[in-house]
């Protein structure tokens, strides 16, 4: 009898999960159709991520855009709902212009560790923001986010910020240039500066030549 009850419970859970998966795909498919009509893009060029928790390794080969399902507050409303975060890729920005799987995993882990409710109103600085997903994901939870990267990455960052205006309030996300190291920090301090509750970085380096500059910048941000 107990085995039968467990089987029935597992079957119900699987049915709920399957139903949720199809609902997620329905929402993303709807957004994809809207985006195709608005932007004249090809369906084959879009990476669909209906389940960010089990995304695994993102395959961005031959992709130009991504649609990622996220549980957020639309324009900082009180209730959480399914929203779709849209990203454009830009290969001219080198490694900063493509989507990496850990960029999706990082905000999920932060939400788990801190709690989504606790992030509302936090000032967050993202180093090496790339396409900006980490920042958009936290802004959808109500955080105030400053996305930073090199100058060649800023155009795609700004583009993605505009693509998500229907989800994220304009006063919650800012894009700024920040070069790591003493010279970049001197320029940063001459501009408007803020204090941050949380500093993020995800898959920031692939060689050790920039580690000293990165560590210098992190120390300055924390110290100030």
N, C-alpha and C. Protein backbone atom coordinates (compact mmCIF):
# COMPACT_ATOMS: atom_id res chain seq x y z
N UNK A 1 0.83 -1.21 0.00
CA UNK A 1 0.00 0.00 0.00
C UNK A 1 0.86 1.26 0.00
N UNK A 2 1.93 1.27 0.84
CA UNK A 2 2.82 2.43 0.89
C UNK A 2 3.53 2.63 -0.45
N UNK A 3 3.96 1.53 -1.07
CA UNK A 3 4.61 1.64 -2.38
C UNK A 3 3.65 2.22 -3.40
N UNK A 4 2.41 1.79 -3.36
CA UNK A 4 1.41 2.30 -4.29
C UNK A 4 1.20 3.80 -4.09
N UNK A 5 1.14 4.23 -2.82
CA UNK A 5 0.96 5.64 -2.53
C UNK A 5 2.15 6.47 -3.01
N UNK A 6 3.36 5.91 -2.83
CA UNK A 6 4.56 6.62 -3.31
C UNK A 6 4.55 6.75 -4.82
N UNK A 7 4.15 5.65 -5.51
CA UNK A 7 4.09 5.69 -6.97
C UNK A 7 3.08 6.74 -7.44
N UNK A 8 1.92 6.79 -6.78
CA UNK A 8 0.90 7.77 -7.15
C UNK A 8 1.38 9.19 -6.91
N UNK A 9 2.09 9.41 -5.78
CA UNK A 9 2.63 10.73 -5.49
C UNK A 9 3.66 11.14 -6.52
N UNK A 10 4.58 10.22 -6.87
CA UNK A 10 5.59 10.52 -7.87
C UNK A 10 4.96 10.83 -9.22
N UNK A 11 3.91 10.08 -9.55
CA UNK A 11 3.22 10.32 -10.82
C UNK A 11 2.61 11.71 -10.84
N UNK A 12 2.00 12.13 -9.71
CA UNK A 12 1.42 13.47 -9.64
C UNK A 12 2.49 14.54 -9.78
N UNK A 13 3.63 14.35 -9.10
CA UNK A 13 4.71 15.32 -9.18
C UNK A 13 5.26 15.42 -10.60
N UNK A 14 5.41 14.26 -11.26
CA UNK A 14 5.89 14.27 -12.64
C UNK A 14 4.90 14.96 -13.56
N UNK A 15 3.61 14.77 -13.31
CA UNK A 15 2.59 15.41 -14.12
C UNK A 15 2.64 16.93 -13.95
N UNK A 16 2.82 17.37 -12.69
CA UNK A 16 2.92 18.82 -12.43
C UNK A 16 4.15 19.40 -13.12
N UNK A 17 5.29 18.70 -13.00
CA UNK A 17 6.52 19.18 -13.63
C UNK A 17 6.37 19.25 -15.15
N UNK A 18 5.74 18.22 -15.74
CA UNK A 18 5.55 18.21 -17.18
C UNK A 18 4.62 19.34 -17.61
N UNK A 19 3.54 19.55 -16.83
CA UNK A 19 2.61 20.63 -17.12
C UNK A 19 3.32 21.98 -17.06
N UNK A 20 4.16 22.16 -16.01
CA UNK A 20 4.90 23.41 -15.87
C UNK A 20 5.85 23.62 -17.04
N UNK A 21 6.50 22.54 -17.48
CA UNK A 21 7.44 22.64 -18.59
C UNK A 21 6.73 23.10 -19.85
N UNK A 22 5.55 22.53 -20.12
CA UNK A 22 4.81 22.93 -21.31
C UNK A 22 4.33 24.37 -21.19
N UNK A 23 3.91 24.79 -19.97
CA UNK A 23 3.50 26.18 -19.77
C UNK A 23 4.67 27.12 -20.03
N UNK A 24 5.86 26.74 -19.56
CA UNK A 24 7.05 27.55 -19.79
C UNK A 24 7.32 27.70 -21.29
N UNK A 25 7.23 26.57 -22.01
CA UNK A 25 7.47 26.63 -23.45
C UNK A 25 6.41 27.47 -24.16
N UNK A 26 5.17 27.40 -23.67
CA UNK A 26 4.11 28.23 -24.27
C UNK A 26 4.43 29.70 -24.13
N UNK A 27 4.89 30.12 -22.93
CA UNK A 27 5.22 31.52 -22.71
C UNK A 27 6.39 31.95 -23.57
N UNK A 28 7.43 31.12 -23.61
CA UNK A 28 8.60 31.47 -24.41
C UNK A 28 8.25 31.48 -25.90
N UNK A 29 7.45 30.53 -26.34
CA UNK A 29 7.05 30.48 -27.75
C UNK A 29 6.26 31.74 -28.13
N UNK A 30 5.40 32.19 -27.21
CA UNK A 30 4.64 33.42 -27.47
C UNK A 30 5.57 34.61 -27.61
N UNK A 31 6.54 34.72 -26.69
CA UNK A 31 7.51 35.82 -26.76
C UNK A 31 8.37 35.71 -28.02
N UNK A 32 8.73 34.49 -28.39
CA UNK A 32 9.52 34.29 -29.59
C UNK A 32 8.76 34.77 -30.82
N UNK A 33 7.48 34.42 -30.91
CA UNK A 33 6.67 34.87 -32.05
C UNK A 33 6.59 36.39 -32.10
N UNK A 34 6.43 37.02 -30.92
CA UNK A 34 6.38 38.48 -30.87
C UNK A 34 7.70 39.07 -31.34
N UNK A 35 8.80 38.48 -30.88
CA UNK A 35 10.12 39.01 -31.22
C UNK A 35 10.41 38.84 -32.71
N UNK A 36 9.99 37.72 -33.27
CA UNK A 36 10.18 37.50 -34.70
C UNK A 36 9.41 38.55 -35.51
N UNK A 37 8.18 38.84 -35.07
CA UNK A 37 7.39 39.86 -35.78
C UNK A 37 8.01 41.25 -35.62
N UNK A 38 8.51 41.54 -34.43
CA UNK A 38 9.06 42.88 -34.18
C UNK A 38 10.43 43.08 -34.81
N UNK A 39 11.27 42.05 -34.73
CA UNK A 39 12.66 42.25 -35.13
C UNK A 39 13.08 41.53 -36.39
N UNK A 40 12.17 40.82 -37.03
CA UNK A 40 12.49 40.11 -38.27
C UNK A 40 13.69 39.19 -38.10
N UNK A 41 13.70 38.41 -37.00
CA UNK A 41 14.79 37.47 -36.77
C UNK A 41 14.33 36.07 -37.17
N UNK A 42 15.31 35.18 -37.31
CA UNK A 42 15.01 33.81 -37.67
C UNK A 42 14.91 32.95 -36.41
N UNK A 43 13.92 32.10 -36.36
CA UNK A 43 13.70 31.24 -35.20
C UNK A 43 14.92 30.41 -34.89
N UNK A 44 15.63 29.96 -35.93
CA UNK A 44 16.78 29.08 -35.73
C UNK A 44 17.94 29.78 -35.03
N UNK A 45 17.92 31.12 -35.03
CA UNK A 45 19.03 31.87 -34.44
C UNK A 45 18.82 32.16 -32.96
N UNK A 46 17.70 31.67 -32.39
CA UNK A 46 17.35 32.00 -31.01
C UNK A 46 17.56 30.79 -30.11
N UNK A 47 18.28 30.99 -29.01
CA UNK A 47 18.46 29.97 -27.98
C UNK A 47 17.33 30.10 -26.98
N UNK A 48 16.58 29.02 -26.75
CA UNK A 48 15.46 29.02 -25.81
C UNK A 48 15.87 28.33 -24.52
N UNK A 49 15.63 28.99 -23.40
CA UNK A 49 15.96 28.42 -22.09
C UNK A 49 14.71 28.45 -21.22
N UNK A 50 13.82 27.44 -21.35
CA UNK A 50 12.59 27.43 -20.57
C UNK A 50 12.76 26.96 -19.13
N UNK A 51 13.91 26.36 -18.82
CA UNK A 51 14.14 25.82 -17.48
C UNK A 51 15.54 26.18 -17.02
N UNK A 52 15.75 27.40 -16.50
CA UNK A 52 17.11 27.83 -16.15
C UNK A 52 17.75 27.00 -15.05
N UNK A 53 16.95 26.33 -14.21
CA UNK A 53 17.52 25.53 -13.12
C UNK A 53 18.30 24.33 -13.66
N UNK A 54 17.85 23.78 -14.79
CA UNK A 54 18.52 22.60 -15.36
C UNK A 54 19.11 22.92 -16.73
N UNK A 55 19.67 24.12 -16.86
CA UNK A 55 20.12 24.54 -18.18
C UNK A 55 21.35 23.78 -18.66
N UNK A 56 22.23 23.35 -17.73
CA UNK A 56 23.45 22.66 -18.13
C UNK A 56 24.36 23.60 -18.90
N UNK A 57 25.09 23.07 -19.84
CA UNK A 57 25.98 23.90 -20.66
C UNK A 57 25.19 24.54 -21.79
N UNK A 58 25.27 25.85 -21.89
CA UNK A 58 24.56 26.57 -22.94
C UNK A 58 25.27 26.37 -24.28
N UNK A 59 24.53 25.96 -25.28
CA UNK A 59 25.09 25.81 -26.62
C UNK A 59 24.71 27.05 -27.44
N UNK A 60 25.66 27.97 -27.58
CA UNK A 60 25.37 29.21 -28.29
C UNK A 60 25.85 29.18 -29.74
N UNK A 61 26.30 28.03 -30.23
CA UNK A 61 26.80 27.93 -31.59
C UNK A 61 25.69 28.32 -32.58
N UNK A 62 26.03 29.24 -33.47
CA UNK A 62 25.11 29.73 -34.51
C UNK A 62 23.88 30.42 -33.94
N UNK A 63 23.95 30.87 -32.70
CA UNK A 63 22.84 31.60 -32.09
C UNK A 63 23.17 33.09 -32.04
N UNK A 64 22.12 33.89 -32.19
CA UNK A 64 22.28 35.35 -32.13
C UNK A 64 21.49 35.98 -30.99
N UNK A 65 20.55 35.23 -30.44
CA UNK A 65 19.69 35.74 -29.38
C UNK A 65 19.37 34.63 -28.40
N UNK A 66 18.87 35.01 -27.22
CA UNK A 66 18.41 34.04 -26.22
C UNK A 66 17.14 34.55 -25.57
N UNK A 67 16.24 33.63 -25.26
CA UNK A 67 15.05 33.91 -24.46
C UNK A 67 15.12 33.01 -23.23
N UNK A 68 15.13 33.61 -22.05
CA UNK A 68 15.33 32.86 -20.81
C UNK A 68 14.13 33.11 -19.90
N UNK A 69 13.48 32.03 -19.50
CA UNK A 69 12.36 32.16 -18.57
C UNK A 69 12.89 32.44 -17.17
N UNK A 70 12.26 33.39 -16.49
CA UNK A 70 12.73 33.79 -15.16
C UNK A 70 11.52 34.12 -14.29
N UNK A 71 11.65 33.86 -13.02
CA UNK A 71 10.60 34.21 -12.07
C UNK A 71 10.96 35.55 -11.45
N UNK A 72 10.24 36.61 -11.85
CA UNK A 72 10.59 37.94 -11.38
C UNK A 72 9.37 38.81 -11.15
N UNK A 73 9.64 40.05 -10.72
CA UNK A 73 8.59 41.04 -10.56
C UNK A 73 8.61 41.95 -11.78
N UNK A 74 7.53 41.99 -12.51
CA UNK A 74 7.46 42.89 -13.66
C UNK A 74 7.36 44.33 -13.17
N UNK A 75 8.39 45.12 -13.51
CA UNK A 75 8.46 46.52 -13.07
C UNK A 75 8.26 46.65 -11.56
N UNK A 76 8.92 45.75 -10.82
CA UNK A 76 8.98 45.80 -9.36
C UNK A 76 7.62 45.65 -8.68
N UNK A 77 6.69 44.98 -9.34
CA UNK A 77 5.43 44.70 -8.67
C UNK A 77 5.67 43.76 -7.49
N UNK A 78 4.70 43.66 -6.60
CA UNK A 78 4.89 42.88 -5.39
C UNK A 78 4.95 41.38 -5.68
N UNK A 79 4.14 40.91 -6.60
CA UNK A 79 4.07 39.47 -6.81
C UNK A 79 5.09 39.01 -7.85
N UNK A 80 5.57 37.77 -7.67
CA UNK A 80 6.47 37.17 -8.64
C UNK A 80 5.64 36.48 -9.73
N UNK A 81 6.12 36.55 -10.94
CA UNK A 81 5.46 35.89 -12.07
C UNK A 81 6.52 35.47 -13.08
N UNK A 82 6.14 34.60 -14.00
CA UNK A 82 7.05 34.20 -15.06
C UNK A 82 7.24 35.36 -16.03
N UNK A 83 8.49 35.70 -16.27
CA UNK A 83 8.83 36.72 -17.26
C UNK A 83 9.89 36.13 -18.18
N UNK A 84 10.07 36.72 -19.33
CA UNK A 84 11.09 36.26 -20.28
C UNK A 84 12.12 37.36 -20.45
N UNK A 85 13.36 37.05 -20.13
CA UNK A 85 14.47 37.98 -20.32
C UNK A 85 15.08 37.72 -21.69
N UNK A 86 15.19 38.79 -22.46
CA UNK A 86 15.66 38.67 -23.84
C UNK A 86 17.10 39.18 -23.94
N UNK A 87 17.92 38.44 -24.65
CA UNK A 87 19.33 38.81 -24.83
C UNK A 87 19.72 38.74 -26.29
N UNK A 88 20.46 39.73 -26.74
CA UNK A 88 21.10 39.69 -28.05
C UNK A 88 22.57 39.36 -27.86
N UNK A 89 23.13 38.54 -28.73
CA UNK A 89 24.56 38.23 -28.69
C UNK A 89 25.30 39.21 -29.60
N UNK A 90 26.61 39.32 -29.40
CA UNK A 90 27.42 40.20 -30.25
C UNK A 90 28.85 39.66 -30.27
N UNK A 91 29.18 38.95 -31.32
CA UNK A 91 30.50 38.34 -31.41
C UNK A 91 31.63 39.36 -31.53
N UNK A 92 31.30 40.60 -31.93
CA UNK A 92 32.33 41.63 -32.00
C UNK A 92 32.83 42.02 -30.61
N UNK A 93 32.06 41.67 -29.59
CA UNK A 93 32.47 41.93 -28.21
C UNK A 93 33.27 40.76 -27.63
N UNK A 94 33.69 39.83 -28.50
CA UNK A 94 34.50 38.68 -28.10
C UNK A 94 33.74 37.84 -27.05
N UNK A 95 34.45 37.38 -26.02
CA UNK A 95 33.82 36.50 -25.04
C UNK A 95 32.76 37.20 -24.21
N UNK A 96 32.75 38.52 -24.23
CA UNK A 96 31.74 39.27 -23.51
C UNK A 96 30.41 39.34 -24.25
N UNK A 97 30.40 38.88 -25.48
CA UNK A 97 29.20 39.02 -26.29
C UNK A 97 28.41 37.74 -26.50
N UNK A 98 28.71 36.71 -25.70
CA UNK A 98 27.98 35.44 -25.79
C UNK A 98 27.49 35.05 -24.39
N UNK A 99 26.60 34.08 -24.34
CA UNK A 99 25.99 33.66 -23.07
C UNK A 99 26.72 32.45 -22.51
N UNK A 100 27.08 32.54 -21.25
CA UNK A 100 27.74 31.43 -20.56
C UNK A 100 26.79 30.85 -19.52
N UNK A 101 26.82 29.54 -19.36
CA UNK A 101 25.83 28.88 -18.51
C UNK A 101 25.91 29.33 -17.06
N UNK A 102 27.12 29.63 -16.56
CA UNK A 102 27.24 30.06 -15.17
C UNK A 102 26.61 31.43 -14.94
N UNK A 103 26.44 32.21 -16.00
CA UNK A 103 25.75 33.49 -15.85
C UNK A 103 24.29 33.28 -15.47
N UNK A 104 23.74 32.14 -15.83
CA UNK A 104 22.37 31.79 -15.43
C UNK A 104 22.37 31.17 -14.05
N UNK A 105 23.40 30.35 -13.75
CA UNK A 105 23.46 29.66 -12.46
C UNK A 105 23.72 30.62 -11.30
N UNK A 106 24.51 31.67 -11.53
CA UNK A 106 24.91 32.56 -10.44
C UNK A 106 23.72 33.25 -9.77
N UNK A 107 22.84 33.93 -10.50
CA UNK A 107 21.70 34.57 -9.81
C UNK A 107 20.76 33.56 -9.15
N UNK A 108 20.65 32.37 -9.72
CA UNK A 108 19.85 31.33 -9.07
C UNK A 108 20.42 31.00 -7.69
N UNK A 109 21.74 30.87 -7.62
CA UNK A 109 22.39 30.55 -6.35
C UNK A 109 22.26 31.70 -5.37
N UNK A 110 22.39 32.93 -5.86
CA UNK A 110 22.25 34.10 -4.98
C UNK A 110 20.84 34.15 -4.41
N UNK A 111 19.84 33.89 -5.25
CA UNK A 111 18.47 33.87 -4.78
C UNK A 111 18.26 32.80 -3.72
N UNK A 112 18.94 31.68 -3.89
CA UNK A 112 18.83 30.58 -2.92
C UNK A 112 19.51 30.94 -1.61
N UNK A 113 20.69 31.57 -1.69
CA UNK A 113 21.46 31.88 -0.48
C UNK A 113 20.87 33.07 0.29
N UNK A 114 20.50 34.12 -0.42
CA UNK A 114 20.05 35.35 0.24
C UNK A 114 18.54 35.45 0.34
N UNK A 115 17.84 34.80 -0.60
CA UNK A 115 16.39 34.96 -0.67
C UNK A 115 16.03 36.08 -1.61
N UNK A 116 15.10 35.83 -2.52
CA UNK A 116 14.74 36.84 -3.51
C UNK A 116 14.22 38.11 -2.86
N UNK A 117 13.46 37.97 -1.79
CA UNK A 117 12.88 39.14 -1.12
C UNK A 117 13.96 40.05 -0.56
N UNK A 118 15.06 39.47 -0.10
CA UNK A 118 16.13 40.26 0.51
C UNK A 118 16.87 41.12 -0.51
N UNK A 119 16.79 40.77 -1.78
CA UNK A 119 17.53 41.50 -2.81
C UNK A 119 16.86 42.81 -3.21
N UNK A 120 15.60 42.95 -2.89
CA UNK A 120 14.88 44.17 -3.25
C UNK A 120 15.51 45.37 -2.57
N UNK A 121 15.91 46.37 -3.37
CA UNK A 121 16.53 47.57 -2.84
C UNK A 121 18.02 47.51 -2.67
N UNK A 122 18.63 46.33 -2.82
CA UNK A 122 20.08 46.22 -2.72
C UNK A 122 20.77 46.91 -3.89
N UNK A 123 21.93 47.53 -3.61
CA UNK A 123 22.78 48.06 -4.68
C UNK A 123 23.77 46.98 -5.09
N UNK A 124 23.75 46.60 -6.36
CA UNK A 124 24.57 45.49 -6.85
C UNK A 124 25.49 45.99 -7.96
N UNK A 125 26.77 45.65 -7.86
CA UNK A 125 27.75 45.95 -8.90
C UNK A 125 28.14 44.65 -9.58
N UNK A 126 28.05 44.62 -10.91
CA UNK A 126 28.43 43.43 -11.68
C UNK A 126 29.70 43.75 -12.47
N UNK A 127 30.77 43.04 -12.20
CA UNK A 127 32.02 43.18 -12.93
C UNK A 127 32.01 42.25 -14.13
N UNK A 128 32.51 42.72 -15.28
CA UNK A 128 32.54 41.87 -16.46
C UNK A 128 31.17 41.34 -16.81
N UNK A 129 30.19 42.24 -16.93
CA UNK A 129 28.78 41.84 -17.04
C UNK A 129 28.44 41.13 -18.34
N UNK A 130 29.23 41.31 -19.40
CA UNK A 130 28.93 40.64 -20.66
C UNK A 130 27.57 41.03 -21.20
N UNK A 131 26.70 40.05 -21.43
CA UNK A 131 25.36 40.32 -21.96
C UNK A 131 24.42 40.89 -20.90
N UNK A 132 24.81 40.76 -19.63
CA UNK A 132 24.04 41.41 -18.58
C UNK A 132 23.01 40.55 -17.88
N UNK A 133 22.94 39.25 -18.19
CA UNK A 133 21.85 38.46 -17.63
C UNK A 133 21.83 38.47 -16.11
N UNK A 134 23.00 38.32 -15.47
CA UNK A 134 23.03 38.30 -14.01
C UNK A 134 22.34 39.53 -13.43
N UNK A 135 22.67 40.69 -14.01
CA UNK A 135 22.10 41.94 -13.52
C UNK A 135 20.62 42.06 -13.79
N UNK A 136 20.20 41.66 -15.00
CA UNK A 136 18.77 41.73 -15.32
C UNK A 136 17.96 40.80 -14.42
N UNK A 137 18.53 39.63 -14.14
CA UNK A 137 17.84 38.66 -13.29
C UNK A 137 17.63 39.21 -11.88
N UNK A 138 18.65 39.86 -11.32
CA UNK A 138 18.52 40.42 -9.98
C UNK A 138 17.65 41.67 -9.98
N UNK A 139 17.72 42.46 -11.04
CA UNK A 139 16.85 43.63 -11.15
C UNK A 139 15.39 43.21 -11.22
N UNK A 140 15.13 42.05 -11.83
CA UNK A 140 13.76 41.54 -11.86
C UNK A 140 13.27 41.15 -10.47
N UNK A 141 14.18 41.03 -9.52
CA UNK A 141 13.82 40.78 -8.13
C UNK A 141 13.82 42.06 -7.30
N UNK A 142 14.09 43.20 -7.97
CA UNK A 142 14.01 44.49 -7.28
C UNK A 142 15.33 45.10 -6.88
N UNK A 143 16.47 44.48 -7.23
CA UNK A 143 17.77 45.05 -6.92
C UNK A 143 18.08 46.21 -7.86
N UNK A 144 18.90 47.16 -7.38
CA UNK A 144 19.41 48.25 -8.23
C UNK A 144 20.80 47.83 -8.70
N UNK A 145 20.96 47.69 -10.01
CA UNK A 145 22.14 47.02 -10.56
C UNK A 145 22.94 47.96 -11.46
N UNK A 146 24.25 47.98 -11.26
CA UNK A 146 25.17 48.66 -12.16
C UNK A 146 25.97 47.60 -12.91
N UNK A 147 25.78 47.55 -14.23
CA UNK A 147 26.48 46.58 -15.09
C UNK A 147 27.73 47.25 -15.65
N UNK A 148 28.88 46.62 -15.48
CA UNK A 148 30.13 47.21 -15.97
C UNK A 148 30.87 46.23 -16.86
N UNK A 149 31.60 46.79 -17.82
CA UNK A 149 32.46 45.99 -18.68
C UNK A 149 33.33 46.93 -19.49
N UNK A 150 34.12 46.36 -20.42
CA UNK A 150 34.94 47.16 -21.31
C UNK A 150 34.07 47.90 -22.32
N UNK A 151 34.66 48.91 -22.95
CA UNK A 151 33.90 49.76 -23.87
C UNK A 151 33.31 48.96 -25.04
N UNK A 152 34.02 47.93 -25.52
CA UNK A 152 33.52 47.19 -26.68
C UNK A 152 32.31 46.32 -26.35
N UNK A 153 32.06 46.10 -25.05
CA UNK A 153 30.92 45.30 -24.63
C UNK A 153 29.69 46.17 -24.35
N UNK A 154 29.90 47.46 -24.10
CA UNK A 154 28.80 48.33 -23.69
C UNK A 154 27.67 48.42 -24.71
N UNK A 155 27.93 48.42 -26.04
CA UNK A 155 26.80 48.48 -26.99
C UNK A 155 25.81 47.34 -26.83
N UNK A 156 26.30 46.11 -26.66
CA UNK A 156 25.36 44.98 -26.52
C UNK A 156 24.70 45.01 -25.15
N UNK A 157 25.41 45.51 -24.13
CA UNK A 157 24.80 45.65 -22.82
C UNK A 157 23.63 46.64 -22.87
N UNK A 158 23.87 47.78 -23.51
CA UNK A 158 22.81 48.79 -23.64
C UNK A 158 21.64 48.28 -24.47
N UNK A 159 21.96 47.54 -25.52
CA UNK A 159 20.91 46.96 -26.36
C UNK A 159 20.03 46.02 -25.55
N UNK A 160 20.67 45.15 -24.75
CA UNK A 160 19.90 44.19 -23.95
C UNK A 160 19.10 44.89 -22.86
N UNK A 161 19.62 45.98 -22.34
CA UNK A 161 18.85 46.74 -21.37
C UNK A 161 17.56 47.27 -22.00
N UNK A 162 17.67 47.75 -23.24
CA UNK A 162 16.48 48.24 -23.94
C UNK A 162 15.52 47.11 -24.26
N UNK A 163 16.04 45.94 -24.60
CA UNK A 163 15.18 44.80 -24.94
C UNK A 163 14.32 44.35 -23.77
N UNK A 164 14.73 44.68 -22.55
CA UNK A 164 14.02 44.19 -21.37
C UNK A 164 13.28 45.28 -20.62
N UNK A 165 13.00 46.39 -21.29
CA UNK A 165 12.27 47.48 -20.66
C UNK A 165 10.84 47.08 -20.28
N UNK A 166 10.31 46.06 -20.95
CA UNK A 166 8.95 45.63 -20.60
C UNK A 166 8.92 44.80 -19.33
N UNK A 167 10.09 44.40 -18.85
CA UNK A 167 10.18 43.57 -17.65
C UNK A 167 10.81 44.33 -16.48
N UNK A 168 11.84 45.13 -16.75
CA UNK A 168 12.65 45.74 -15.70
C UNK A 168 12.52 47.25 -15.75
N UNK A 169 12.27 47.86 -14.62
CA UNK A 169 12.16 49.31 -14.54
C UNK A 169 13.47 49.98 -14.93
N UNK A 170 13.37 51.08 -15.66
CA UNK A 170 14.57 51.75 -16.17
C UNK A 170 15.46 52.30 -15.06
N UNK A 171 14.88 52.58 -13.89
CA UNK A 171 15.68 53.15 -12.81
C UNK A 171 16.42 52.08 -12.01
N UNK A 172 16.28 50.81 -12.39
CA UNK A 172 16.94 49.74 -11.64
C UNK A 172 18.24 49.26 -12.28
N UNK A 173 18.50 49.63 -13.52
CA UNK A 173 19.69 49.13 -14.22
C UNK A 173 20.46 50.29 -14.84
N UNK A 174 21.77 50.29 -14.61
CA UNK A 174 22.66 51.29 -15.19
C UNK A 174 23.82 50.56 -15.85
N UNK A 175 24.28 51.04 -17.01
CA UNK A 175 25.43 50.46 -17.71
C UNK A 175 26.57 51.47 -17.69
N UNK A 176 27.75 51.00 -17.24
CA UNK A 176 28.92 51.90 -17.18
C UNK A 176 30.18 51.15 -17.56
N UNK A 177 31.15 51.88 -18.09
CA UNK A 177 32.45 51.30 -18.39
C UNK A 177 33.30 51.25 -17.13
N UNK A 178 33.94 50.12 -16.92
CA UNK A 178 34.90 49.98 -15.83
C UNK A 178 36.03 49.07 -16.28
N UNK A 179 37.18 49.68 -16.52
CA UNK A 179 38.38 48.90 -16.83
C UNK A 179 39.06 48.53 -15.53
N UNK A 180 39.48 47.29 -15.41
CA UNK A 180 40.15 46.85 -14.20
C UNK A 180 41.54 47.45 -14.12
N UNK A 181 42.02 47.70 -12.93
CA UNK A 181 43.36 48.23 -12.73
C UNK A 181 43.33 49.68 -12.28
N UNK A 182 44.52 50.24 -12.04
CA UNK A 182 44.66 51.58 -11.48
C UNK A 182 44.09 52.66 -12.40
N UNK A 183 44.37 52.58 -13.69
CA UNK A 183 43.90 53.60 -14.61
C UNK A 183 42.38 53.60 -14.71
N UNK A 184 41.80 52.42 -14.84
CA UNK A 184 40.35 52.32 -14.92
C UNK A 184 39.69 52.79 -13.64
N UNK A 185 40.29 52.46 -12.50
CA UNK A 185 39.71 52.87 -11.23
C UNK A 185 39.77 54.39 -11.04
N UNK A 186 40.86 55.01 -11.50
CA UNK A 186 40.97 56.47 -11.40
C UNK A 186 39.85 57.14 -12.19
N UNK A 187 39.55 56.61 -13.38
CA UNK A 187 38.46 57.17 -14.18
C UNK A 187 37.11 56.93 -13.51
N UNK A 188 36.94 55.75 -12.94
CA UNK A 188 35.67 55.41 -12.26
C UNK A 188 35.41 56.38 -11.10
N UNK A 189 36.43 56.70 -10.32
CA UNK A 189 36.26 57.56 -9.16
C UNK A 189 35.94 59.00 -9.56
N UNK A 190 36.35 59.41 -10.75
CA UNK A 190 36.03 60.77 -11.20
C UNK A 190 34.57 60.90 -11.59
N UNK A 191 33.95 59.80 -11.92
CA UNK A 191 32.54 59.81 -12.30
C UNK A 191 31.67 59.61 -11.07
N UNK A 192 30.34 59.54 -11.30
CA UNK A 192 29.42 59.29 -10.20
C UNK A 192 29.74 57.93 -9.57
N UNK A 193 29.73 57.89 -8.25
CA UNK A 193 30.09 56.66 -7.56
C UNK A 193 29.05 56.33 -6.51
N UNK A 194 28.87 55.07 -6.25
CA UNK A 194 27.88 54.63 -5.29
C UNK A 194 28.47 53.54 -4.41
N UNK A 195 27.84 53.30 -3.28
CA UNK A 195 28.23 52.18 -2.43
C UNK A 195 27.39 50.96 -2.79
N UNK A 196 27.99 49.77 -2.67
CA UNK A 196 27.33 48.55 -3.12
C UNK A 196 27.21 47.55 -1.98
N UNK A 197 26.07 46.89 -1.96
CA UNK A 197 25.81 45.85 -0.98
C UNK A 197 26.32 44.49 -1.46
N UNK A 198 26.42 44.34 -2.77
CA UNK A 198 26.78 43.04 -3.36
C UNK A 198 27.59 43.28 -4.62
N UNK A 199 28.71 42.57 -4.74
CA UNK A 199 29.59 42.67 -5.91
C UNK A 199 29.65 41.30 -6.56
N UNK A 200 29.33 41.25 -7.86
CA UNK A 200 29.25 39.97 -8.57
C UNK A 200 30.27 39.92 -9.70
N UNK A 201 30.70 38.71 -9.98
CA UNK A 201 31.51 38.45 -11.16
C UNK A 201 31.34 36.99 -11.54
N UNK A 202 31.25 36.70 -12.82
CA UNK A 202 30.98 35.33 -13.25
C UNK A 202 31.82 35.01 -14.49
N UNK A 203 32.66 33.98 -14.37
CA UNK A 203 33.53 33.57 -15.48
C UNK A 203 34.25 34.78 -16.06
N UNK A 204 34.98 35.47 -15.18
CA UNK A 204 35.57 36.75 -15.53
C UNK A 204 36.86 36.63 -16.34
N UNK A 205 37.64 35.61 -16.12
CA UNK A 205 38.96 35.54 -16.76
C UNK A 205 39.18 34.16 -17.37
N UNK A 206 39.96 34.15 -18.44
CA UNK A 206 40.38 32.87 -19.02
C UNK A 206 41.90 32.82 -19.17
N UNK A 207 42.61 33.85 -18.67
CA UNK A 207 44.07 33.79 -18.56
C UNK A 207 44.47 34.61 -17.34
N UNK A 208 45.69 34.40 -16.86
CA UNK A 208 46.10 35.03 -15.60
C UNK A 208 46.70 36.41 -15.78
N UNK A 209 46.74 36.93 -17.00
CA UNK A 209 47.36 38.23 -17.24
C UNK A 209 46.58 39.38 -16.61
N UNK A 210 45.27 39.21 -16.44
CA UNK A 210 44.45 40.31 -15.92
C UNK A 210 44.10 40.13 -14.44
N UNK A 211 44.61 39.08 -13.81
CA UNK A 211 44.22 38.79 -12.43
C UNK A 211 44.62 39.90 -11.46
N UNK A 212 45.83 40.45 -11.65
CA UNK A 212 46.28 41.52 -10.75
C UNK A 212 45.37 42.74 -10.86
N UNK A 213 45.01 43.13 -12.09
CA UNK A 213 44.13 44.28 -12.27
C UNK A 213 42.74 44.01 -11.70
N UNK A 214 42.26 42.78 -11.89
CA UNK A 214 40.95 42.42 -11.34
C UNK A 214 40.96 42.49 -9.82
N UNK A 215 42.00 41.92 -9.18
CA UNK A 215 42.07 41.93 -7.73
C UNK A 215 42.22 43.36 -7.20
N UNK A 216 42.97 44.19 -7.90
CA UNK A 216 43.09 45.59 -7.49
C UNK A 216 41.72 46.27 -7.49
N UNK A 217 40.95 46.05 -8.55
CA UNK A 217 39.63 46.68 -8.67
C UNK A 217 38.68 46.18 -7.59
N UNK A 218 38.68 44.88 -7.35
CA UNK A 218 37.81 44.32 -6.31
C UNK A 218 38.15 44.91 -4.95
N UNK A 219 39.45 45.02 -4.65
CA UNK A 219 39.87 45.57 -3.35
C UNK A 219 39.43 47.02 -3.21
N UNK A 220 39.54 47.80 -4.30
CA UNK A 220 39.14 49.20 -4.24
C UNK A 220 37.64 49.34 -4.02
N UNK A 221 36.87 48.53 -4.71
CA UNK A 221 35.41 48.60 -4.58
C UNK A 221 35.00 48.24 -3.15
N UNK A 222 35.61 47.18 -2.60
CA UNK A 222 35.27 46.75 -1.25
C UNK A 222 35.70 47.79 -0.22
N UNK A 223 36.88 48.35 -0.42
CA UNK A 223 37.43 49.34 0.52
C UNK A 223 36.61 50.62 0.54
N UNK A 224 36.10 50.99 -0.65
CA UNK A 224 35.37 52.25 -0.74
C UNK A 224 33.90 52.08 -0.43
